[in-house]
Amino acid sequence: MAKKRKTVSQAAMEEKQAAAEKKREDKRERISPREAARAAARYYHELTGAGQQGSVEEIELSQDGNRWIVTLSFLDTSLAFMGPKKYKLFEVNAYTGDVLRMKIREV
């Protein structure tokens, strides 16, 4: 059985659709710094189960524009008194909001 040949107009239409889809992908929007900070805090609380409230200390966009670098601080409650703050650095995908990395930030 022979394959059905595409007409010129069908091929042109498919090319236009592919180009439009590529344009949409190229115009993907970044999440806001606020959303990145919320994603980092949610990730920390889900991972640790800690109920302590964190504070946003720093937020910056990476040089390549693909990641938000978020620093959160938490009070060290492991001591009998409220100890010094602990700092955590999070890398958050700037488009999806997924946390890519969490590490201790030395001050």
Foldseek 3Di string as FASTA:
>chain_A
DDDDDDDPVRVVVVVVVVVVVVVCVVPQAFDDQVLLQVLVVVVVCVVPVDPFDKDWDDWDADPVRQWIKTKIWTFPPPDVDGHDIWIKIWIAGRRPSHTDDIDTDDD
